[in-house]
Amino acid sequence: MRRIAQAPNLAIATLWVHALREGGVDASVQREYLGAAMGQLPPDQCLPEVWIEDDGQFDLAERLLDELRNRPQRRWQCQCGELVEGGFEQCWRCGAMMPPHRAST
C-alpha cells in the first residue's frame, strides 16, 4: 500500500477514492475517523488520506487524481440571463439545465 494524497476532508477523500476506482485503481480512505481527535493531535495528522493498494499503479493514480483536481471550469449563459460558472449544470437562479452546445471552458 502507498499513500497518494491527503485530503482536506472526508467528503473529498471519498470522492477521490471513487474516481480512482472508476479509473481502475484499487484505492481506499485511511484516517477517516481521526477528525474527532483534532485538537488532541496536530491537525495535519487528523486529515483523511487516500491510499492505493498496488504501488505499480502509482503513476496512473497520480495522473487520475491530477485530472480530477484540475478539471476545466465551465461558463455558460442561462436563458434567464444568469452567468453560471464552475461545474454547475443547472442554473441556480431559475433551475434550467445547461444546454450541451453552450458549454465552454
Protein backbone atom coordinates (compact mmCIF):
# COMPACT_ATOMS: atom_id res chain seq x y z
CA MET A 1 0.00 0.00 0.00
CA ARG A 2 1.10 3.55 -0.70
CA ARG A 3 -0.31 6.94 0.21
CA ILE A 4 -1.26 9.01 -2.82
CA ALA A 5 -2.80 12.09 -1.17
CA GLN A 6 -4.02 13.77 1.97
CA ALA A 7 -7.50 15.26 1.55
CA PRO A 8 -8.87 18.39 3.23
CA ASN A 9 -11.93 16.47 4.48
CA LEU A 10 -13.65 13.08 4.36
CA ALA A 11 -16.06 14.06 1.58
CA ILE A 12 -13.21 14.98 -0.78
CA ALA A 13 -11.23 11.87 0.16
CA THR A 14 -14.24 9.69 -0.63
CA LEU A 15 -14.79 11.46 -3.95
CA TRP A 16 -11.14 10.91 -4.90
CA VAL A 17 -11.29 7.22 -3.97
CA HIS A 18 -14.40 6.68 -6.09
CA ALA A 19 -12.79 8.45 -9.05
CA LEU A 20 -9.64 6.35 -8.71
CA ARG A 21 -11.68 3.15 -8.53
CA GLU A 22 -13.59 4.15 -11.67
CA GLY A 23 -10.19 4.60 -13.34
CA GLY A 24 -9.17 1.07 -12.41
CA VAL A 25 -7.06 1.85 -9.34
CA ASP A 26 -7.80 -0.03 -6.11
CA ALA A 27 -7.87 2.77 -3.52
CA SER A 28 -9.14 3.33 0.00
CA VAL A 29 -9.61 6.09 2.57
CA GLN A 30 -7.44 5.89 5.67
CA ARG A 31 -7.71 8.01 8.83
CA GLU A 32 -11.37 8.61 8.09
CA TYR A 33 -12.33 8.84 11.77
CA LEU A 34 -9.37 10.83 13.11
CA GLY A 35 -11.20 14.14 12.61
CA ALA A 36 -12.73 13.58 16.05
CA ALA A 37 -9.23 13.75 17.57
CA MET A 38 -8.49 17.18 16.12
CA GLY A 39 -7.36 19.40 18.96
CA GLN A 40 -5.78 16.45 20.73
CA LEU A 41 -3.48 15.72 17.79
CA PRO A 42 -1.90 18.09 15.26
CA PRO A 43 -4.45 19.00 12.55
CA ASP A 44 -2.31 17.66 9.71
CA GLN A 45 -2.25 14.26 11.44
CA CYS A 46 -6.06 14.10 11.53
CA LEU A 47 -6.83 14.65 7.85
CA PRO A 48 -8.09 11.67 5.82
CA GLU A 49 -5.68 10.08 3.38
CA VAL A 50 -6.12 8.26 0.08
CA TRP A 51 -4.05 5.11 -0.31
CA ILE A 52 -3.64 2.78 -3.26
CA GLU A 53 -3.19 -0.98 -2.94
CA ASP A 54 -0.72 -1.57 -5.80
CA ASP A 55 2.46 0.53 -5.94
CA GLY A 56 2.65 -0.28 -9.66
CA GLN A 57 -0.45 1.88 -10.20
CA PHE A 58 1.05 4.95 -8.52
CA ASP A 59 1.72 6.85 -11.77
CA LEU A 60 -1.79 6.12 -13.07
CA ALA A 61 -3.31 7.13 -9.73
CA GLU A 62 -1.33 10.39 -9.68
CA ARG A 63 -2.46 11.23 -13.21
CA LEU A 64 -6.12 10.45 -12.48
CA LEU A 65 -6.06 12.47 -9.27
CA ASP A 66 -4.37 15.39 -11.02
CA GLU A 67 -7.05 15.35 -13.73
CA LEU A 68 -9.76 15.34 -11.08
CA ARG A 69 -8.21 18.21 -9.15
CA ASN A 70 -7.70 20.32 -12.28
CA ARG A 71 -10.89 19.86 -14.26
CA PRO A 72 -11.69 22.75 -16.56
CA GLN A 73 -14.39 25.03 -15.26
CA ARG A 74 -17.38 25.72 -17.45
CA ARG A 75 -19.02 29.04 -18.03
CA TRP A 76 -22.39 29.45 -19.71
CA GLN A 77 -25.16 32.00 -20.10
CA CYS A 78 -28.57 30.74 -18.99
CA GLN A 79 -31.78 31.57 -20.86
CA CYS A 80 -32.79 33.73 -17.85
CA GLY A 81 -29.65 35.85 -18.34
CA GLU A 82 -27.65 34.47 -15.41
CA LEU A 83 -23.95 33.75 -15.98
CA VAL A 84 -23.25 30.31 -14.49
CA GLU A 85 -19.63 29.44 -13.74
CA GLY A 86 -17.87 26.39 -12.35
CA GLY A 87 -19.01 22.81 -12.58
CA PHE A 88 -22.71 23.63 -12.39
CA GLU A 89 -25.01 22.09 -14.96
CA GLN A 90 -28.11 23.78 -13.60
CA CYS A 91 -28.82 27.49 -13.20
CA TRP A 92 -29.04 28.47 -9.54
CA ARG A 93 -31.43 31.29 -10.38
CA CYS A 94 -34.15 29.61 -12.45
CA GLY A 95 -33.27 25.91 -12.32
CA ALA A 96 -32.82 25.47 -16.08
CA MET A 97 -30.34 22.82 -17.20
CA MET A 98 -27.23 23.77 -19.17
CA PRO A 99 -27.73 23.30 -22.91
CA PRO A 100 -24.99 20.95 -24.22
CA HIS A 101 -23.91 23.28 -27.03
CA ARG A 102 -23.40 26.30 -24.72
CA ALA A 103 -20.70 24.84 -22.52
CA SER A 104 -17.29 26.43 -22.85
CA THR A 105 -14.04 26.25 -20.92
